[in-house]
Amino acid sequence: MATENWTVTGPQTIDVGPVGRLDANLLNGRIDVVVHDEPGVRVEVHSLEGRPLEVRLDGDRLTVGYSPTGGWQGFLDSFRNYRGKDRADVYVGVPAHVRVKLATVQGDGLVAGTQAKVSVATVGGSVMTTQTAGAVRVDTVTGEVTVRDHVGTLVMDSISGDLTASGALSDVKLNTVSGNVTLDSSSTPDAMNVNAISADVLVRVPEPDELDYTLRCVSGRLVVDGVEHRGTPGGAYRQAGPAGTTGKKLQVNSVSGNVTVLRGEPADAWGGSAPHRGTHPVTPQDAWSYDAPTGADPAAPWGSADSRTTWTGEGPADGPADR
């Protein structure tokens, strides 16, 4: 297998051939992973402070960032109390089929347009995925994570970071201690399981009557389709779906947070209706409104116009073969 290494000490652009997997990790700053039309991968380091950034190609795996010890979780654990000055602003353009793993400590991250498995993790940064298809996994300590306009399965774990997800969600598993939860599905999921301790949980599905409910809320308010349910034994509310349905299930367990289940068209976290895949392209303005790097040019928040605005949002809505 071919192996190549680059040590980046300042602004630099690196082009590599086709890869199957991208592992990107950042301490502070911002990293955007955006689908482009080229068969290879482009890495653009726009600014860098502190230690050099490492770029390594090993077979079909490209690594961008700092060498983690102890793997994925080891990287987060090593820098959980990070107070250093290492900071970078990085853009990575990838083909849609590339699997992506992205981790930040205090930095912000974006993954846009991929059609393969995505894993994102952060200690205290703000991370977003948008217009993805396939399987997405999220891990956060205190950072806020948003999964926007996703088609496929979703797993999310948080300690105190807020979690928001929208799109055609087919299977959802979510655990949180105190981070609030908003799940806004444009289709009725096959299964949705949410466990929370002191977090508020809001779930919106288009046809809640199609679901088998098991909702437990010990000390918070429990509202289903506009009706508040009080005094249920053990704080539990159960409702079976109509006879002859496929047994789609919604389970929510909350100790002290409020639980709300709503009916209707999904509302995007930015207000209004959620964008439909393929008709609402990711634009530079989307990235800017998310959170552009300090001092960046609002006219080109993803870097150069040639590199950070190439993806149009088009692509298969049913996801990749690689799940």
Protein backbone atom coordinates (compact mmCIF):
# COMPACT_ATOMS: atom_id res chain seq x y z
CA MET A 1 0.00 0.00 0.00
CA ALA A 2 1.23 3.46 -0.87
CA THR A 3 2.01 5.73 2.06
CA GLU A 4 2.59 9.47 1.86
CA ASN A 5 3.07 12.04 4.60
CA TRP A 6 2.86 15.83 4.66
CA THR A 7 3.72 18.15 7.55
CA VAL A 8 1.81 21.40 7.16
CA THR A 9 3.20 24.51 8.85
CA GLY A 10 1.12 27.18 7.12
CA PRO A 11 -1.47 27.72 4.38
CA GLN A 12 -1.13 24.89 1.87
CA THR A 13 -3.18 22.89 -0.64
CA ILE A 14 -2.69 19.14 -1.03
CA ASP A 15 -4.31 17.04 -3.75
CA VAL A 16 -4.43 13.26 -3.43
CA GLY A 17 -6.00 10.51 -5.49
CA PRO A 18 -9.17 8.56 -4.75
CA VAL A 19 -9.63 7.32 -1.17
CA GLY A 20 -12.30 5.31 0.60
CA ARG A 21 -12.07 6.84 4.05
CA LEU A 22 -11.25 10.19 5.64
CA ASP A 23 -10.28 10.57 9.31
CA ALA A 24 -10.11 14.24 10.32
CA ASN A 25 -9.44 15.58 13.79
CA LEU A 26 -8.94 19.12 14.99
CA LEU A 27 -8.26 20.70 18.35
CA ASN A 28 -9.53 24.23 17.78
CA GLY A 29 -10.64 26.25 14.79
CA ARG A 30 -12.84 24.83 12.06
CA ILE A 31 -12.89 21.96 9.59
CA ASP A 32 -15.34 21.58 6.68
CA VAL A 33 -15.70 18.31 4.79
CA VAL A 34 -17.74 18.98 1.66
CA VAL A 35 -18.58 16.80 -1.34
CA HIS A 36 -17.13 17.90 -4.66
CA ASP A 37 -17.23 16.54 -8.22
CA GLU A 38 -13.57 15.47 -8.46
CA PRO A 39 -12.53 11.79 -8.09
CA GLY A 40 -9.74 12.64 -5.65
CA VAL A 41 -9.51 14.59 -2.40
CA ARG A 42 -8.35 18.15 -1.91
CA VAL A 43 -7.09 19.42 1.45
CA GLU A 44 -6.87 23.18 1.88
CA VAL A 45 -5.28 24.54 5.04
CA HIS A 46 -6.27 28.20 5.14
CA SER A 47 -4.69 29.16 8.46
CA LEU A 48 -2.66 27.46 11.16
CA GLU A 49 -1.46 28.37 14.64
CA GLY A 50 0.63 26.25 17.00
CA ARG A 51 1.87 22.80 16.09
CA PRO A 52 2.13 21.62 12.47
CA LEU A 53 -0.83 19.74 11.03
CA GLU A 54 -0.26 16.20 9.81
CA VAL A 55 -1.69 14.78 6.59
CA ARG A 56 -1.14 11.08 5.93
CA LEU A 57 -2.25 8.82 3.09
CA ASP A 58 -2.11 5.12 3.94
CA GLY A 59 -3.68 2.98 1.24
CA ASP A 60 -7.24 4.23 0.74
CA ARG A 61 -7.31 6.02 4.11
CA LEU A 62 -6.50 9.71 4.43
CA THR A 63 -5.85 11.22 7.87
CA VAL A 64 -5.87 14.97 8.49
CA GLY A 65 -5.08 16.50 11.87
CA TYR A 66 -3.07 15.38 14.87
CA SER A 67 -1.99 11.81 15.55
CA PRO A 68 -4.40 10.37 18.14
CA THR A 69 -3.27 7.94 20.80
CA GLY A 70 -5.66 5.16 21.73
CA GLY A 71 -7.79 5.56 18.64
CA TRP A 72 -10.90 7.68 18.20
CA GLN A 73 -11.93 7.76 21.86
CA GLY A 74 -8.32 8.22 22.91
CA PHE A 75 -8.11 11.42 20.90
CA LEU A 76 -11.11 12.91 22.69
CA ASP A 77 -9.99 11.70 26.13
CA SER A 78 -6.46 13.04 25.64
CA PHE A 79 -7.67 16.55 24.93
CA ARG A 80 -10.81 16.70 27.08
CA ASN A 81 -9.27 19.49 29.17
CA TYR A 82 -7.30 21.01 26.32
CA ARG A 83 -6.14 24.60 26.88
CA GLY A 84 -3.50 24.91 24.17
CA LYS A 85 -3.20 27.33 21.26
CA ASP A 86 -3.24 24.86 18.36
CA ARG A 87 -5.77 26.17 15.87
CA ALA A 88 -6.49 25.55 12.19
CA ASP A 89 -9.00 26.40 9.49
CA VAL A 90 -9.22 23.45 7.10
CA TYR A 91 -11.38 22.52 4.12
CA VAL A 92 -11.46 18.99 2.67
CA GLY A 93 -13.24 18.25 -0.61
CA VAL A 94 -14.23 14.60 -1.05
CA PRO A 95 -16.28 12.44 -3.44
CA ALA A 96 -19.72 11.50 -2.13
CA HIS A 97 -18.84 7.83 -1.51
CA VAL A 98 -16.02 8.51 1.00
CA ARG A 99 -16.66 7.43 4.60
CA VAL A 100 -15.95 10.27 7.02
CA LYS A 101 -14.88 10.34 10.67
CA LEU A 102 -14.54 13.84 12.10
CA ALA A 103 -13.56 14.80 15.64
CA THR A 104 -12.93 18.15 17.31
CA VAL A 105 -12.06 19.24 20.82
CA GLN A 106 -13.15 22.89 20.91
CA GLY A 107 -13.26 23.37 17.16
CA ASP A 108 -16.30 23.51 14.89
CA GLY A 109 -16.99 21.03 12.11
CA LEU A 110 -19.18 20.51 9.06
CA VAL A 111 -19.84 17.43 6.91
CA ALA A 112 -21.95 18.16 3.82
CA GLY A 113 -23.34 15.97 1.07
CA THR A 114 -21.76 12.58 1.75
CA GLN A 115 -23.54 9.37 0.76
CA ALA A 116 -21.58 6.97 3.00
CA LYS A 117 -21.16 6.34 6.71
CA VAL A 118 -20.39 9.43 8.81
CA SER A 119 -19.13 9.60 12.41
CA VAL A 120 -18.70 12.93 14.18
CA ALA A 121 -17.51 13.61 17.72
CA THR A 122 -16.68 16.67 19.78
CA VAL A 123 -15.82 17.63 23.33
CA GLY A 124 -17.05 21.22 23.34
CA GLY A 125 -17.27 22.38 19.74
CA SER A 126 -20.26 22.89 17.47
CA VAL A 127 -20.66 20.29 14.72
CA MET A 128 -23.14 19.93 11.87
CA THR A 129 -23.86 17.36 9.20
CA THR A 130 -26.15 18.38 6.34
CA GLN A 131 -27.75 16.60 3.38
CA THR A 132 -26.16 13.24 4.13
CA ALA A 133 -27.44 9.72 3.39
CA GLY A 134 -26.63 6.37 4.96
CA ALA A 135 -25.64 5.96 8.61
CA VAL A 136 -24.63 8.81 10.93
CA ARG A 137 -23.17 8.45 14.42
CA VAL A 138 -22.74 11.36 16.85
CA ASP A 139 -20.81 11.58 20.14
CA THR A 140 -20.54 14.80 22.15
CA VAL A 141 -19.65 15.88 25.67
CA THR A 142 -20.85 19.49 25.92
CA GLY A 143 -20.85 20.59 22.28
CA GLU A 144 -24.02 21.14 20.26
CA VAL A 145 -24.49 18.79 17.30
CA THR A 146 -27.01 19.20 14.47
CA VAL A 147 -27.83 16.54 11.88
CA ARG A 148 -29.72 18.37 9.16
CA ASP A 149 -31.71 16.86 6.28
CA HIS A 150 -30.40 13.31 6.75
CA VAL A 151 -31.73 10.21 4.99
CA GLY A 152 -31.05 6.98 6.89
CA THR A 153 -30.15 5.70 10.34
CA LEU A 154 -28.92 7.79 13.25
CA VAL A 155 -27.16 7.10 16.56
CA MET A 156 -26.50 10.02 18.95
CA ASP A 157 -24.90 10.11 22.42
CA SER A 158 -24.46 13.24 24.54
CA ILE A 159 -23.66 14.26 28.08
CA SER A 160 -24.83 17.88 28.12
CA GLY A 161 -24.64 19.00 24.50
CA ASP A 162 -27.94 19.70 22.73
CA LEU A 163 -28.86 17.34 19.89
CA THR A 164 -30.98 18.25 16.86
CA ALA A 165 -31.81 16.05 13.87
CA SER A 166 -34.07 16.40 10.84
CA GLY A 167 -34.73 14.53 7.62
CA ALA A 168 -36.13 11.16 6.57
CA LEU A 169 -34.95 9.30 9.67
CA SER A 170 -35.45 5.53 9.39
CA ASP A 171 -34.00 4.28 12.69
CA VAL A 172 -32.93 6.45 15.63
CA LYS A 173 -31.12 5.53 18.86
CA LEU A 174 -30.32 8.45 21.17
CA ASN A 175 -28.96 8.79 24.70
CA THR A 176 -28.46 12.04 26.61
CA VAL A 177 -27.93 13.10 30.20
CA SER A 178 -28.90 16.78 30.17
CA GLY A 179 -28.58 17.88 26.55
CA ASN A 180 -31.98 18.77 25.08
CA VAL A 181 -33.23 16.76 22.11
CA THR A 182 -35.16 17.76 18.98
CA LEU A 183 -35.99 15.05 16.43
CA ASP A 184 -37.87 16.27 13.36
CA SER A 185 -38.55 13.45 10.90
CA SER A 186 -40.15 13.95 7.49
CA SER A 187 -41.08 10.26 7.37
CA THR A 188 -42.42 7.87 9.99
CA PRO A 189 -39.34 6.01 11.30
CA ASP A 190 -39.20 2.25 11.67
CA ALA A 191 -37.94 2.70 15.22
CA MET A 192 -37.05 5.61 17.47
CA ASN A 193 -35.57 5.08 20.93
CA VAL A 194 -34.64 8.04 23.15
CA ASN A 195 -33.25 7.86 26.70
CA ALA A 196 -32.81 11.07 28.71
CA ILE A 197 -32.23 11.93 32.35
CA SER A 198 -32.85 15.66 32.81
CA ALA A 199 -33.27 16.74 29.20
CA ASP A 200 -36.34 17.96 27.34
CA VAL A 201 -37.28 15.77 24.38
CA LEU A 202 -39.28 16.97 21.36
CA VAL A 203 -40.24 14.51 18.62
CA ARG A 204 -42.14 15.44 15.47
CA VAL A 205 -43.35 12.81 13.00
CA PRO A 206 -45.83 13.20 10.13
CA GLU A 207 -48.16 10.36 11.21
CA PRO A 208 -47.78 9.57 14.92
CA ASP A 209 -50.87 7.32 14.82
CA GLU A 210 -48.84 4.78 12.83
CA LEU A 211 -46.49 4.22 15.79
CA ASP A 212 -46.60 2.01 18.86
CA TYR A 213 -45.83 4.38 21.75
CA THR A 214 -44.07 3.69 25.00
CA LEU A 215 -43.39 7.04 26.67
CA ARG A 216 -42.14 7.38 30.24
CA CYS A 217 -41.80 10.73 31.96
CA VAL A 218 -41.36 10.60 35.74
CA SER A 219 -41.52 14.25 36.82
CA GLY A 220 -41.79 16.31 33.63
CA ARG A 221 -44.75 17.15 31.37
CA LEU A 222 -45.87 14.56 28.85
CA VAL A 223 -47.70 15.90 25.78
CA VAL A 224 -48.75 13.74 22.83
CA ASP A 225 -50.29 15.31 19.73
CA GLY A 226 -51.35 18.40 21.70
CA VAL A 227 -52.87 16.50 24.64
CA GLU A 228 -51.18 16.54 28.05
CA HIS A 229 -51.24 13.25 29.95
CA ARG A 230 -51.10 13.45 33.72
CA GLY A 231 -51.17 10.91 36.50
CA THR A 232 -50.24 7.92 34.36
CA PRO A 233 -48.90 4.98 36.42
CA GLY A 234 -45.14 5.29 36.71
CA GLY A 235 -45.26 8.29 34.40
CA ALA A 236 -45.81 5.92 31.45
CA TYR A 237 -48.04 6.39 28.42
CA ARG A 238 -48.69 3.59 25.95
CA GLN A 239 -50.59 3.51 22.70
CA ALA A 240 -50.74 0.77 20.11
CA GLY A 241 -50.68 1.58 16.42
CA PRO A 242 -53.57 0.58 14.17
CA ALA A 243 -54.16 -3.11 13.50
CA GLY A 244 -52.31 -4.44 10.50
CA THR A 245 -49.43 -1.96 10.71
CA THR A 246 -45.79 -3.05 10.62
CA GLY A 247 -45.16 -2.32 14.31
CA LYS A 248 -43.11 0.84 14.04
CA LYS A 249 -42.10 1.85 17.55
CA LEU A 250 -41.44 5.09 19.41
CA GLN A 251 -39.89 4.75 22.87
CA VAL A 252 -38.91 7.71 25.03
CA ASN A 253 -37.64 7.44 28.61
CA SER A 254 -37.10 10.63 30.60
CA VAL A 255 -36.61 11.14 34.33
CA SER A 256 -37.07 14.86 34.93
CA GLY A 257 -37.33 16.43 31.48
CA ASN A 258 -40.45 17.20 29.47
CA VAL A 259 -41.50 14.92 26.61
CA THR A 260 -43.48 16.23 23.63
CA VAL A 261 -44.60 14.29 20.56
CA LEU A 262 -46.05 16.36 17.71
CA ARG A 263 -47.73 15.67 14.40
CA GLY A 264 -47.04 17.52 11.18
CA GLU A 265 -44.57 18.54 8.53
CA PRO A 266 -41.00 18.84 9.85
CA ALA A 267 -39.77 22.32 10.72
CA ASP A 268 -36.10 23.02 10.13
CA ALA A 269 -34.04 24.17 13.09
CA TRP A 270 -33.53 27.43 11.19
CA GLY A 271 -37.31 28.00 10.90
CA GLY A 272 -39.78 27.09 8.19
CA SER A 273 -40.02 23.79 6.39
CA ALA A 274 -37.05 21.49 6.23
CA PRO A 275 -35.29 21.57 2.85
CA HIS A 276 -35.95 18.70 0.49
CA ARG A 277 -32.95 16.67 -0.61
CA GLY A 278 -31.69 17.60 -4.03
CA THR A 279 -33.61 20.87 -4.20
CA HIS A 280 -31.90 22.84 -1.46
CA PRO A 281 -28.18 22.91 -2.27
CA VAL A 282 -25.62 23.65 0.38
CA THR A 283 -24.49 27.21 -0.25
CA PRO A 284 -21.73 29.40 1.11
CA GLN A 285 -24.42 31.32 2.93
CA ASP A 286 -25.50 28.12 4.71
CA ALA A 287 -21.97 27.57 5.95
CA TRP A 288 -21.64 31.20 6.95
CA SER A 289 -24.90 31.16 8.90
CA TYR A 290 -23.72 28.02 10.66
CA ASP A 291 -20.54 29.60 12.03
CA ALA A 292 -17.72 30.80 9.83
CA PRO A 293 -14.14 31.11 11.12
CA THR A 294 -13.31 34.32 12.91
CA GLY A 295 -12.09 36.95 10.46
CA ALA A 296 -13.12 34.97 7.39
CA ASP A 297 -14.53 36.55 4.26
CA PRO A 298 -18.34 36.14 4.20
CA ALA A 299 -18.22 36.06 0.41
CA ALA A 300 -16.36 32.73 0.49
CA PRO A 301 -16.77 31.07 3.90
CA TRP A 302 -15.73 27.65 2.59
CA GLY A 303 -12.49 28.90 1.10
CA SER A 304 -12.07 29.70 -2.57
CA ALA A 305 -15.16 29.85 -4.75
CA ASP A 306 -13.72 27.06 -6.89
CA SER A 307 -13.33 24.65 -4.01
CA ARG A 308 -15.94 25.24 -1.35
CA THR A 309 -19.05 25.78 -3.42
CA THR A 310 -18.86 22.97 -5.97
CA TRP A 311 -21.41 20.58 -4.45
CA THR A 312 -24.98 21.23 -5.66
CA GLY A 313 -26.89 18.95 -3.33
CA GLU A 314 -27.78 16.49 -6.09
CA GLY A 315 -27.41 12.81 -5.36
CA PRO A 316 -29.32 9.62 -4.61
CA ALA A 317 -31.82 10.03 -1.80
CA ASP A 318 -31.73 6.36 -0.84
CA GLY A 319 -28.11 6.40 0.27
CA PRO A 320 -25.07 4.38 -0.76
CA ALA A 321 -24.53 0.69 -1.00
CA ASP A 322 -21.82 1.04 1.65
CA ARG A 323 -23.62 1.23 4.99
